[in-house]
Amino acid sequence: QRLQQAYPQDPRTIDGLAAALAESGDFARATSRGQSALELARRAGDLA
């Protein structure tokens, strides 16, 4: 969460936030943040 505040448009940061949310059991927010990370990665052209 601290990283996300500093780097709100970084797909790897948002992906990590989604993973942490899922590990904490908050799957609704993990899915939402994961979807945001996916869109950011696609926009950046990072298909892998």
ModelCIF file with pLDDT and N, C-alpha, C, O atoms, coordinates in Angstrom:
data_MODEL
#
_entry.id   MODEL 
#
_entity.id                         1 
_entity.type                       polymer 
_entity.pdbx_number_of_molecules   1 
#
_entity_poly.entity_id                      1 
_entity_poly.type                           'polypeptide(L)' 
_entity_poly.nstd_linkage                   no 
_entity_poly.nstd_monomer                   no 
_entity_poly.pdbx_seq_one_letter_code       QRLQQAYPQDPRTIDGLAAALAESGDFARATSRGQSALELARRAGDLA 
_entity_poly.pdbx_seq_one_letter_code_can   QRLQQAYPQDPRTIDGLAAALAESGDFARATSRGQSALELARRAGDLA 
_entity_poly.pdbx_strand_id                 A 
#
loop_
_entity_poly_seq.entity_id 
_entity_poly_seq.num 
_entity_poly_seq.mon_id 
_entity_poly_seq.hetero 
1 1  GLN n 
1 2  ARG n 
1 3  LEU n 
1 4  GLN n 
1 5  GLN n 
1 6  ALA n 
1 7  TYR n 
1 8  PRO n 
1 9  GLN n 
1 10 ASP n 
1 11 PRO n 
1 12 ARG n 
1 13 THR n 
1 14 ILE n 
1 15 ASP n 
1 16 GLY n 
1 17 LEU n 
1 18 ALA n 
1 19 ALA n 
1 20 ALA n 
1 21 LEU n 
1 22 ALA n 
1 23 GLU n 
1 24 SER n 
1 25 GLY n 
1 26 ASP n 
1 27 PHE n 
1 28 ALA n 
1 29 ARG n 
1 30 ALA n 
1 31 THR n 
1 32 SER n 
1 33 ARG n 
1 34 GLY n 
1 35 GLN n 
1 36 SER n 
1 37 ALA n 
1 38 LEU n 
1 39 GLU n 
1 40 LEU n 
1 41 ALA n 
1 42 ARG n 
1 43 ARG n 
1 44 ALA n 
1 45 GLY n 
1 46 ASP n 
1 47 LEU n 
1 48 ALA n 
#
_struct_asym.id          A 
_struct_asym.entity_id   1 
#
loop_
_ma_qa_metric.id 
_ma_qa_metric.mode 
_ma_qa_metric.name 
_ma_qa_metric.software_group_id 
_ma_qa_metric.type 
1 global pLDDT . pLDDT 
2 local  pLDDT . pLDDT 
#
_ma_qa_metric_global.metric_id      1 
_ma_qa_metric_global.metric_value   96.71 
_ma_qa_metric_global.model_id       1 
_ma_qa_metric_global.ordinal_id     1 
#
loop_
_ma_qa_metric_local.label_asym_id 
_ma_qa_metric_local.label_comp_id 
_ma_qa_metric_local.label_seq_id 
_ma_qa_metric_local.metric_id 
_ma_qa_metric_local.metric_value 
_ma_qa_metric_local.model_id 
_ma_qa_metric_local.ordinal_id 
A GLN 1  2 95.00 1 1  
A ARG 2  2 91.00 1 2  
A LEU 3  2 92.00 1 3  
A GLN 4  2 93.00 1 4  
A GLN 5  2 92.00 1 5  
A ALA 6  2 91.00 1 6  
A TYR 7  2 93.00 1 7  
A PRO 8  2 94.00 1 8  
A GLN 9  2 95.00 1 9  
A ASP 10 2 96.00 1 10 
A PRO 11 2 97.00 1 11 
A ARG 12 2 96.00 1 12 
A THR 13 2 96.00 1 13 
A ILE 14 2 97.00 1 14 
A ASP 15 2 98.00 1 15 
A GLY 16 2 97.00 1 16 
A LEU 17 2 98.00 1 17 
A ALA 18 2 98.00 1 18 
A ALA 19 2 98.00 1 19 
A ALA 20 2 98.00 1 20 
A LEU 21 2 98.00 1 21 
A ALA 22 2 98.00 1 22 
A GLU 23 2 98.00 1 23 
A SER 24 2 97.00 1 24 
A GLY 25 2 97.00 1 25 
A ASP 26 2 98.00 1 26 
A PHE 27 2 98.00 1 27 
A ALA 28 2 98.00 1 28 
A ARG 29 2 98.00 1 29 
A ALA 30 2 98.00 1 30 
A THR 31 2 98.00 1 31 
A SER 32 2 98.00 1 32 
A ARG 33 2 98.00 1 33 
A GLY 34 2 98.00 1 34 
A GLN 35 2 98.00 1 35 
A SER 36 2 98.00 1 36 
A ALA 37 2 98.00 1 37 
A LEU 38 2 98.00 1 38 
A GLU 39 2 98.00 1 39 
A LEU 40 2 98.00 1 40 
A ALA 41 2 98.00 1 41 
A ARG 42 2 98.00 1 42 
A ARG 43 2 97.00 1 43 
A ALA 44 2 97.00 1 44 
A GLY 45 2 97.00 1 45 
A ASP 46 2 97.00 1 46 
A LEU 47 2 97.00 1 47 
A ALA 48 2 98.00 1 48 
#
loop_
_atom_site.group_PDB 
_atom_site.id 
_atom_site.type_symbol 
_atom_site.label_atom_id 
_atom_site.label_alt_id 
_atom_site.label_comp_id 
_atom_site.label_asym_id 
_atom_site.label_entity_id 
_atom_site.label_seq_id 
_atom_site.pdbx_PDB_ins_code 
_atom_site.Cartn_x 
_atom_site.Cartn_y 
_atom_site.Cartn_z 
_atom_site.occupancy 
_atom_site.B_iso_or_equiv 
_atom_site.pdbx_formal_charge 
_atom_site.auth_seq_id 
_atom_site.auth_comp_id 
_atom_site.auth_asym_id 
_atom_site.auth_atom_id 
_atom_site.pdbx_PDB_model_num 
ATOM 1   N N  . GLN A 1 1  ? 0.834   -1.208  0.000   1.00 95.00 ? 1  GLN A N  1 
ATOM 2   C CA . GLN A 1 1  ? 0.000   0.000   0.000   1.00 95.00 ? 1  GLN A CA 1 
ATOM 3   C C  . GLN A 1 1  ? 0.866   1.254   0.000   1.00 95.00 ? 1  GLN A C  1 
ATOM 4   O O  . GLN A 1 1  ? 0.553   2.230   -0.682  1.00 95.00 ? 1  GLN A O  1 
ATOM 5   N N  . ARG A 1 2  ? 1.948   1.227   0.762   1.00 91.00 ? 2  ARG A N  1 
ATOM 6   C CA . ARG A 1 2  ? 2.874   2.358   0.779   1.00 91.00 ? 2  ARG A CA 1 
ATOM 7   C C  . ARG A 1 2  ? 3.487   2.580   -0.597  1.00 91.00 ? 2  ARG A C  1 
ATOM 8   O O  . ARG A 1 2  ? 3.594   3.715   -1.062  1.00 91.00 ? 2  ARG A O  1 
ATOM 9   N N  . LEU A 1 3  ? 3.884   1.502   -1.239  1.00 92.00 ? 3  LEU A N  1 
ATOM 10  C CA . LEU A 1 3  ? 4.461   1.602   -2.582  1.00 92.00 ? 3  LEU A CA 1 
ATOM 11  C C  . LEU A 1 3  ? 3.443   2.121   -3.587  1.00 92.00 ? 3  LEU A C  1 
ATOM 12  O O  . LEU A 1 3  ? 3.768   2.938   -4.448  1.00 92.00 ? 3  LEU A O  1 
ATOM 13  N N  . GLN A 1 4  ? 2.220   1.644   -3.470  1.00 93.00 ? 4  GLN A N  1 
ATOM 14  C CA . GLN A 1 4  ? 1.173   2.061   -4.401  1.00 93.00 ? 4  GLN A CA 1 
ATOM 15  C C  . GLN A 1 4  ? 0.928   3.561   -4.309  1.00 93.00 ? 4  GLN A C  1 
ATOM 16  O O  . GLN A 1 4  ? 0.629   4.201   -5.317  1.00 93.00 ? 4  GLN A O  1 
ATOM 17  N N  . GLN A 1 5  ? 1.052   4.121   -3.125  1.00 92.00 ? 5  GLN A N  1 
ATOM 18  C CA . GLN A 1 5  ? 0.891   5.563   -2.969  1.00 92.00 ? 5  GLN A CA 1 
ATOM 19  C C  . GLN A 1 5  ? 1.998   6.317   -3.706  1.00 92.00 ? 5  GLN A C  1 
ATOM 20  O O  . GLN A 1 5  ? 1.755   7.377   -4.283  1.00 92.00 ? 5  GLN A O  1 
ATOM 21  N N  . ALA A 1 6  ? 3.204   5.770   -3.684  1.00 91.00 ? 6  ALA A N  1 
ATOM 22  C CA . ALA A 1 6  ? 4.339   6.424   -4.342  1.00 91.00 ? 6  ALA A CA 1 
ATOM 23  C C  . ALA A 1 6  ? 4.370   6.166   -5.846  1.00 91.00 ? 6  ALA A C  1 
ATOM 24  O O  . ALA A 1 6  ? 4.839   7.010   -6.610  1.00 91.00 ? 6  ALA A O  1 
ATOM 25  N N  . TYR A 1 7  ? 3.872   5.005   -6.276  1.00 93.00 ? 7  TYR A N  1 
ATOM 26  C CA . TYR A 1 7  ? 3.933   4.610   -7.696  1.00 93.00 ? 7  TYR A CA 1 
ATOM 27  C C  . TYR A 1 7  ? 2.566   4.101   -8.156  1.00 93.00 ? 7  TYR A C  1 
ATOM 28  O O  . TYR A 1 7  ? 2.414   2.911   -8.429  1.00 93.00 ? 7  TYR A O  1 
ATOM 29  N N  . PRO A 1 8  ? 1.576   4.980   -8.244  1.00 94.00 ? 8  PRO A N  1 
ATOM 30  C CA . PRO A 1 8  ? 0.210   4.543   -8.530  1.00 94.00 ? 8  PRO A CA 1 
ATOM 31  C C  . PRO A 1 8  ? -0.026  4.044   -9.953  1.00 94.00 ? 8  PRO A C  1 
ATOM 32  O O  . PRO A 1 8  ? -1.070  3.452   -10.228 1.00 94.00 ? 8  PRO A O  1 
ATOM 33  N N  . GLN A 1 9  ? 0.917   4.271   -10.857 1.00 95.00 ? 9  GLN A N  1 
ATOM 34  C CA . GLN A 1 9  ? 0.737   3.842   -12.244 1.00 95.00 ? 9  GLN A CA 1 
ATOM 35  C C  . GLN A 1 9  ? 1.698   2.731   -12.657 1.00 95.00 ? 9  GLN A C  1 
ATOM 36  O O  . GLN A 1 9  ? 1.817   2.418   -13.841 1.00 95.00 ? 9  GLN A O  1 
ATOM 37  N N  . ASP A 1 10 ? 2.385   2.136   -11.680 1.00 96.00 ? 10 ASP A N  1 
ATOM 38  C CA . ASP A 1 10 ? 3.344   1.070   -11.991 1.00 96.00 ? 10 ASP A CA 1 
ATOM 39  C C  . ASP A 1 10 ? 2.635   -0.283  -11.931 1.00 96.00 ? 10 ASP A C  1 
ATOM 40  O O  . ASP A 1 10 ? 2.167   -0.678  -10.863 1.00 96.00 ? 10 ASP A O  1 
ATOM 41  N N  . PRO A 1 11 ? 2.544   -1.001  -13.054 1.00 97.00 ? 11 PRO A N  1 
ATOM 42  C CA . PRO A 1 11 ? 1.789   -2.263  -13.041 1.00 97.00 ? 11 PRO A CA 1 
ATOM 43  C C  . PRO A 1 11 ? 2.361   -3.309  -12.087 1.00 97.00 ? 11 PRO A C  1 
ATOM 44  O O  . PRO A 1 11 ? 1.599   -4.076  -11.497 1.00 97.00 ? 11 PRO A O  1 
ATOM 45  N N  . ARG A 1 12 ? 3.677   -3.358  -11.921 1.00 96.00 ? 12 ARG A N  1 
ATOM 46  C CA . ARG A 1 12 ? 4.268   -4.347  -11.007 1.00 96.00 ? 12 ARG A CA 1 
ATOM 47  C C  . ARG A 1 12 ? 3.916   -4.029  -9.549  1.00 96.00 ? 12 ARG A C  1 
ATOM 48  O O  . ARG A 1 12 ? 3.675   -4.929  -8.743  1.00 96.00 ? 12 ARG A O  1 
ATOM 49  N N  . THR A 1 13 ? 3.893   -2.748  -9.233  1.00 96.00 ? 13 THR A N  1 
ATOM 50  C CA . THR A 1 13 ? 3.512   -2.336  -7.886  1.00 96.00 ? 13 THR A CA 1 
ATOM 51  C C  . THR A 1 13 ? 2.060   -2.697  -7.601  1.00 96.00 ? 13 THR A C  1 
ATOM 52  O O  . THR A 1 13 ? 1.743   -3.213  -6.530  1.00 96.00 ? 13 THR A O  1 
ATOM 53  N N  . ILE A 1 14 ? 1.183   -2.428  -8.556  1.00 97.00 ? 14 ILE A N  1 
ATOM 54  C CA . ILE A 1 14 ? -0.240  -2.718  -8.372  1.00 97.00 ? 14 ILE A CA 1 
ATOM 55  C C  . ILE A 1 14 ? -0.475  -4.232  -8.349  1.00 97.00 ? 14 ILE A C  1 
ATOM 56  O O  . ILE A 1 14 ? -1.325  -4.714  -7.601  1.00 97.00 ? 14 ILE A O  1 
ATOM 57  N N  . ASP A 1 15 ? 0.266   -4.974  -9.155  1.00 98.00 ? 15 ASP A N  1 
ATOM 58  C CA . ASP A 1 15 ? 0.186   -6.430  -9.144  1.00 98.00 ? 15 ASP A CA 1 
ATOM 59  C C  . ASP A 1 15 ? 0.592   -6.970  -7.779  1.00 98.00 ? 15 ASP A C  1 
ATOM 60  O O  . ASP A 1 15 ? -0.044  -7.887  -7.259  1.00 98.00 ? 15 ASP A O  1 
ATOM 61  N N  . GLY A 1 16 ? 1.643   -6.410  -7.201  1.00 97.00 ? 16 GLY A N  1 
ATOM 62  C CA . GLY A 1 16 ? 2.070   -6.824  -5.864  1.00 97.00 ? 16 GLY A CA 1 
ATOM 63  C C  . GLY A 1 16 ? 1.027   -6.513  -4.809  1.00 97.00 ? 16 GLY A C  1 
ATOM 64  O O  . GLY A 1 16 ? 0.818   -7.296  -3.883  1.00 97.00 ? 16 GLY A O  1 
ATOM 65  N N  . LEU A 1 17 ? 0.374   -5.372  -4.950  1.00 98.00 ? 17 LEU A N  1 
ATOM 66  C CA . LEU A 1 17 ? -0.709  -5.012  -4.029  1.00 98.00 ? 17 LEU A CA 1 
ATOM 67  C C  . LEU A 1 17 ? -1.848  -6.024  -4.143  1.00 98.00 ? 17 LEU A C  1 
ATOM 68  O O  . LEU A 1 17 ? -2.412  -6.450  -3.135  1.00 98.00 ? 17 LEU A O  1 
ATOM 69  N N  . ALA A 1 18 ? -2.178  -6.403  -5.366  1.00 98.00 ? 18 ALA A N  1 
ATOM 70  C CA . ALA A 1 18 ? -3.238  -7.397  -5.571  1.00 98.00 ? 18 ALA A CA 1 
ATOM 71  C C  . ALA A 1 18 ? -2.862  -8.727  -4.915  1.00 98.00 ? 18 ALA A C  1 
ATOM 72  O O  . ALA A 1 18 ? -3.703  -9.365  -4.283  1.00 98.00 ? 18 ALA A O  1 
ATOM 73  N N  . ALA A 1 19 ? -1.619  -9.140  -5.062  1.00 98.00 ? 19 ALA A N  1 
ATOM 74  C CA . ALA A 1 19 ? -1.170  -10.399 -4.450  1.00 98.00 ? 19 ALA A CA 1 
ATOM 75  C C  . ALA A 1 19 ? -1.257  -10.323 -2.928  1.00 98.00 ? 19 ALA A C  1 
ATOM 76  O O  . ALA A 1 19 ? -1.670  -11.282 -2.277  1.00 98.00 ? 19 ALA A O  1 
ATOM 77  N N  . ALA A 1 20 ? -0.869  -9.181  -2.366  1.00 98.00 ? 20 ALA A N  1 
ATOM 78  C CA . ALA A 1 20 ? -0.936  -9.008  -0.911  1.00 98.00 ? 20 ALA A CA 1 
ATOM 79  C C  . ALA A 1 20 ? -2.387  -9.015  -0.427  1.00 98.00 ? 20 ALA A C  1 
ATOM 80  O O  . ALA A 1 20 ? -2.698  -9.599  0.611   1.00 98.00 ? 20 ALA A O  1 
ATOM 81  N N  . LEU A 1 21 ? -3.264  -8.367  -1.180  1.00 98.00 ? 21 LEU A N  1 
ATOM 82  C CA . LEU A 1 21 ? -4.682  -8.375  -0.821  1.00 98.00 ? 21 LEU A CA 1 
ATOM 83  C C  . LEU A 1 21 ? -5.244  -9.800  -0.845  1.00 98.00 ? 21 LEU A C  1 
ATOM 84  O O  . LEU A 1 21 ? -5.991  -10.197 0.049   1.00 98.00 ? 21 LEU A O  1 
ATOM 85  N N  . ALA A 1 22 ? -4.880  -10.555 -1.868  1.00 98.00 ? 22 ALA A N  1 
ATOM 86  C CA . ALA A 1 22 ? -5.358  -11.940 -1.968  1.00 98.00 ? 22 ALA A CA 1 
ATOM 87  C C  . ALA A 1 22 ? -4.826  -12.786 -0.815  1.00 98.00 ? 22 ALA A C  1 
ATOM 88  O O  . ALA A 1 22 ? -5.560  -13.582 -0.230  1.00 98.00 ? 22 ALA A O  1 
ATOM 89  N N  . GLU A 1 23 ? -3.561  -12.611 -0.496  1.00 98.00 ? 23 GLU A N  1 
ATOM 90  C CA . GLU A 1 23 ? -2.973  -13.370 0.609   1.00 98.00 ? 23 GLU A CA 1 
ATOM 91  C C  . GLU A 1 23 ? -3.665  -13.010 1.928   1.00 98.00 ? 23 GLU A C  1 
ATOM 92  O O  . GLU A 1 23 ? -3.757  -13.838 2.835   1.00 98.00 ? 23 GLU A O  1 
ATOM 93  N N  . SER A 1 24 ? -4.142  -11.783 2.023   1.00 97.00 ? 24 SER A N  1 
ATOM 94  C CA . SER A 1 24 ? -4.848  -11.322 3.221   1.00 97.00 ? 24 SER A CA 1 
ATOM 95  C C  . SER A 1 24 ? -6.328  -11.703 3.205   1.00 97.00 ? 24 SER A C  1 
ATOM 96  O O  . SER A 1 24 ? -7.049  -11.434 4.166   1.00 97.00 ? 24 SER A O  1 
ATOM 97  N N  . GLY A 1 25 ? -6.783  -12.331 2.114   1.00 97.00 ? 25 GLY A N  1 
ATOM 98  C CA . GLY A 1 25 ? -8.166  -12.801 2.041   1.00 97.00 ? 25 GLY A CA 1 
ATOM 99  C C  . GLY A 1 25 ? -9.152  -11.816 1.450   1.00 97.00 ? 25 GLY A C  1 
ATOM 100 O O  . GLY A 1 25 ? -10.351 -12.093 1.434   1.00 97.00 ? 25 GLY A O  1 
ATOM 101 N N  . ASP A 1 26 ? -8.692  -10.678 0.966   1.00 98.00 ? 26 ASP A N  1 
ATOM 102 C CA . ASP A 1 26 ? -9.576  -9.668  0.366   1.00 98.00 ? 26 ASP A CA 1 
ATOM 103 C C  . ASP A 1 26 ? -9.589  -9.859  -1.152  1.00 98.00 ? 26 ASP A C  1 
ATOM 104 O O  . ASP A 1 26 ? -8.951  -9.108  -1.889  1.00 98.00 ? 26 ASP A O  1 
ATOM 105 N N  . PHE A 1 27 ? -10.317 -10.863 -1.599  1.00 98.00 ? 27 PHE A N  1 
ATOM 106 C CA . PHE A 1 27 ? -10.290 -11.241 -3.014  1.00 98.00 ? 27 PHE A CA 1 
ATOM 107 C C  . PHE A 1 27 ? -11.012 -10.246 -3.918  1.00 98.00 ? 27 PHE A C  1 
ATOM 108 O O  . PHE A 1 27 ? -10.646 -10.099 -5.085  1.00 98.00 ? 27 PHE A O  1 
ATOM 109 N N  . ALA A 1 28 ? -12.020 -9.567  -3.405  1.00 98.00 ? 28 ALA A N  1 
ATOM 110 C CA . ALA A 1 28 ? -12.712 -8.567  -4.221  1.00 98.00 ? 28 ALA A CA 1 
ATOM 111 C C  . ALA A 1 28 ? -11.756 -7.431  -4.586  1.00 98.00 ? 28 ALA A C  1 
ATOM 112 O O  . ALA A 1 28 ? -11.665 -7.036  -5.749  1.00 98.00 ? 28 ALA A O  1 
ATOM 113 N N  . ARG A 1 29 ? -11.052 -6.916  -3.594  1.00 98.00 ? 29 ARG A N  1 
ATOM 114 C CA . ARG A 1 29 ? -10.084 -5.841  -3.871  1.00 98.00 ? 29 ARG A CA 1 
ATOM 115 C C  . ARG A 1 29 ? -8.881  -6.367  -4.640  1.00 98.00 ? 29 ARG A C  1 
ATOM 116 O O  . ARG A 1 29 ? -8.321  -5.647  -5.466  1.00 98.00 ? 29 ARG A O  1 
ATOM 117 N N  . ALA A 1 30 ? -8.472  -7.605  -4.388  1.00 98.00 ? 30 ALA A N  1 
ATOM 118 C CA . ALA A 1 30 ? -7.356  -8.188  -5.140  1.00 98.00 ? 30 ALA A CA 1 
ATOM 119 C C  . ALA A 1 30 ? -7.709  -8.260  -6.623  1.00 98.00 ? 30 ALA A C  1 
ATOM 120 O O  . ALA A 1 30 ? -6.878  -7.963  -7.482  1.00 98.00 ? 30 ALA A O  1 
ATOM 121 N N  . THR A 1 31 ? -8.932  -8.653  -6.914  1.00 98.00 ? 31 THR A N  1 
ATOM 122 C CA . THR A 1 31 ? -9.383  -8.735  -8.306  1.00 98.00 ? 31 THR A CA 1 
ATOM 123 C C  . THR A 1 31 ? -9.425  -7.346  -8.936  1.00 98.00 ? 31 THR A C  1 
ATOM 124 O O  . THR A 1 31 ? -8.987  -7.165  -10.072 1.00 98.00 ? 31 THR A O  1 
ATOM 125 N N  . SER A 1 32 ? -9.944  -6.381  -8.211  1.00 98.00 ? 32 SER A N  1 
ATOM 126 C CA . SER A 1 32 ? -10.019 -5.015  -8.727  1.00 98.00 ? 32 SER A CA 1 
ATOM 127 C C  . SER A 1 32 ? -8.629  -4.440  -9.004  1.00 98.00 ? 32 SER A C  1 
ATOM 128 O O  . SER A 1 32 ? -8.387  -3.868  -10.067 1.00 98.00 ? 32 SER A O  1 
ATOM 129 N N  . ARG A 1 33 ? -7.725  -4.597  -8.043  1.00 98.00 ? 33 ARG A N  1 
ATOM 130 C CA . ARG A 1 33 ? -6.362  -4.079  -8.218  1.00 98.00 ? 33 ARG A CA 1 
ATOM 131 C C  . ARG A 1 33 ? -5.630  -4.869  -9.308  1.00 98.00 ? 33 ARG A C  1 
ATOM 132 O O  . ARG A 1 33 ? -4.866  -4.296  -10.084 1.00 98.00 ? 33 ARG A O  1 
ATOM 133 N N  . GLY A 1 34 ? -5.861  -6.160  -9.365  1.00 98.00 ? 34 GLY A N  1 
ATOM 134 C CA . GLY A 1 34 ? -5.249  -6.971  -10.413 1.00 98.00 ? 34 GLY A CA 1 
ATOM 135 C C  . GLY A 1 34 ? -5.707  -6.542  -11.797 1.00 98.00 ? 34 GLY A C  1 
ATOM 136 O O  . GLY A 1 34 ? -4.918  -6.512  -12.741 1.00 98.00 ? 34 GLY A O  1 
ATOM 137 N N  . GLN A 1 35 ? -6.984  -6.211  -11.911 1.00 98.00 ? 35 GLN A N  1 
ATOM 138 C CA . GLN A 1 35 ? -7.506  -5.728  -13.187 1.00 98.00 ? 35 GLN A CA 1 
ATOM 139 C C  . GLN A 1 35 ? -6.843  -4.410  -13.568 1.00 98.00 ? 35 GLN A C  1 
ATOM 140 O O  . GLN A 1 35 ? -6.518  -4.195  -14.736 1.00 98.00 ? 35 GLN A O  1 
ATOM 141 N N  . SER A 1 36 ? -6.642  -3.534  -12.602 1.00 98.00 ? 36 SER A N  1 
ATOM 142 C CA . SER A 1 36 ? -5.941  -2.269  -12.864 1.00 98.00 ? 36 SER A CA 1 
ATOM 143 C C  . SER A 1 36 ? -4.509  -2.521  -13.317 1.00 98.00 ? 36 SER A C  1 
ATOM 144 O O  . SER A 1 36 ? -4.027  -1.880  -14.251 1.00 98.00 ? 36 SER A O  1 
ATOM 145 N N  . ALA A 1 37 ? -3.826  -3.459  -12.652 1.00 98.00 ? 37 ALA A N  1 
ATOM 146 C CA . ALA A 1 37 ? -2.448  -3.792  -13.035 1.00 98.00 ? 37 ALA A CA 1 
ATOM 147 C C  . ALA A 1 37 ? -2.403  -4.346  -14.456 1.00 98.00 ? 37 ALA A C  1 
ATOM 148 O O  . ALA A 1 37 ? -1.496  -4.034  -15.227 1.00 98.00 ? 37 ALA A O  1 
ATOM 149 N N  . LEU A 1 38 ? -3.387  -5.164  -14.788 1.00 98.00 ? 38 LEU A N  1 
ATOM 150 C CA . LEU A 1 38 ? -3.459  -5.738  -16.131 1.00 98.00 ? 38 LEU A CA 1 
ATOM 151 C C  . LEU A 1 38 ? -3.599  -4.640  -17.181 1.00 98.00 ? 38 LEU A C  1 
ATOM 152 O O  . LEU A 1 38 ? -2.904  -4.656  -18.197 1.00 98.00 ? 38 LEU A O  1 
ATOM 153 N N  . GLU A 1 39 ? -4.486  -3.699  -16.938 1.00 98.00 ? 39 GLU A N  1 
ATOM 154 C CA . GLU A 1 39 ? -4.685  -2.600  -17.888 1.00 98.00 ? 39 GLU A CA 1 
ATOM 155 C C  . GLU A 1 39 ? -3.423  -1.752  -18.031 1.00 98.00 ? 39 GLU A C  1 
ATOM 156 O O  . GLU A 1 39 ? -3.069  -1.345  -19.137 1.00 98.00 ? 39 GLU A O  1 
ATOM 157 N N  . LEU A 1 40 ? -2.740  -1.485  -16.906 1.00 98.00 ? 40 LEU A N  1 
ATOM 158 C CA . LEU A 1 40 ? -1.507  -0.708  -16.949 1.00 98.00 ? 40 LEU A CA 1 
ATOM 159 C C  . LEU A 1 40 ? -0.415  -1.449  -17.720 1.00 98.00 ? 40 LEU A C  1 
ATOM 160 O O  . LEU A 1 40 ? 0.319   -0.841  -18.499 1.00 98.00 ? 40 LEU A O  1 
ATOM 161 N N  . ALA A 1 41 ? -0.309  -2.751  -17.503 1.00 98.00 ? 41 ALA A N  1 
ATOM 162 C CA . ALA A 1 41 ? 0.699   -3.546  -18.214 1.00 98.00 ? 41 ALA A CA 1 
ATOM 163 C C  . ALA A 1 41 ? 0.415   -3.557  -19.717 1.00 98.00 ? 41 ALA A C  1 
ATOM 164 O O  . ALA A 1 41 ? 1.331   -3.421  -20.528 1.00 98.00 ? 41 ALA A O  1 
ATOM 165 N N  . ARG A 1 42 ? -0.837  -3.716  -20.077 1.00 98.00 ? 42 ARG A N  1 
ATOM 166 C CA . ARG A 1 42 ? -1.199  -3.705  -21.498 1.00 98.00 ? 42 ARG A CA 1 
ATOM 167 C C  . ARG A 1 42 ? -0.891  -2.354  -22.126 1.00 98.00 ? 42 ARG A C  1 
ATOM 168 O O  . ARG A 1 42 ? -0.345  -2.291  -23.228 1.00 98.00 ? 42 ARG A O  1 
ATOM 169 N N  . ARG A 1 43 ? -1.239  -1.263  -21.427 1.00 97.00 ? 43 ARG A N  1 
ATOM 170 C CA . ARG A 1 43 ? -0.964  0.083   -21.942 1.00 97.00 ? 43 ARG A CA 1 
ATOM 171 C C  . ARG A 1 43 ? 0.533   0.316   -22.129 1.00 97.00 ? 43 ARG A C  1 
ATOM 172 O O  . ARG A 1 43 ? 0.956   1.004   -23.058 1.00 97.00 ? 43 ARG A O  1 
ATOM 173 N N  . ALA A 1 44 ? 1.320   -0.265  -21.238 1.00 97.00 ? 44 ALA A N  1 
ATOM 174 C CA . ALA A 1 44 ? 2.777   -0.123  -21.321 1.00 97.00 ? 44 ALA A CA 1 
ATOM 175 C C  . ALA A 1 44 ? 3.380   -1.053  -22.373 1.00 97.00 ? 44 ALA A C  1 
ATOM 176 O O  . ALA A 1 44 ? 4.571   -0.963  -22.671 1.00 97.00 ? 44 ALA A O  1 
ATOM 177 N N  . GLY A 1 45 ? 2.562   -1.945  -22.936 1.00 97.00 ? 45 GLY A N  1 
ATOM 178 C CA . GLY A 1 45 ? 3.058   -2.884  -23.944 1.00 97.00 ? 45 GLY A CA 1 
ATOM 179 C C  . GLY A 1 45 ? 3.808   -4.063  -23.364 1.00 97.00 ? 45 GLY A C  1 
ATOM 180 O O  . GLY A 1 45 ? 4.504   -4.769  -24.095 1.00 97.00 ? 45 GLY A O  1 
ATOM 181 N N  . ASP A 1 46 ? 3.683   -4.293  -22.066 1.00 97.00 ? 46 ASP A N  1 
ATOM 182 C CA . ASP A 1 46 ? 4.364   -5.403  -21.400 1.00 97.00 ? 46 ASP A CA 1 
ATOM 183 C C  . ASP A 1 46 ? 3.435   -6.618  -21.415 1.00 97.00 ? 46 ASP A C  1 
ATOM 184 O O  . ASP A 1 46 ? 2.765   -6.922  -20.428 1.00 97.00 ? 46 ASP A O  1 
ATOM 185 N N  . LEU A 1 47 ? 3.415   -7.299  -22.553 1.00 97.00 ? 47 LEU A N  1 
ATOM 186 C CA . LEU A 1 47 ? 2.483   -8.411  -22.732 1.00 97.00 ? 47 LEU A CA 1 
ATOM 187 C C  . LEU A 1 47 ? 2.828   -9.619  -21.871 1.00 97.00 ? 47 LEU A C  1 
ATOM 188 O O  . LEU A 1 47 ? 1.936   -10.360 -21.458 1.00 97.00 ? 47 LEU A O  1 
ATOM 189 N N  . ALA A 1 48 ? 4.113   -9.822  -21.597 1.00 98.00 ? 48 ALA A N  1 
ATOM 190 C CA . ALA A 1 48 ? 4.509   -10.940 -20.735 1.00 98.00 ? 48 ALA A CA 1 
ATOM 191 C C  . ALA A 1 48 ? 3.966   -10.729 -19.317 1.00 98.00 ? 48 ALA A C  1 
ATOM 192 O O  . ALA A 1 48 ? 4.192   -11.562 -18.439 1.00 98.00 ? 48 ALA A O  1 
#
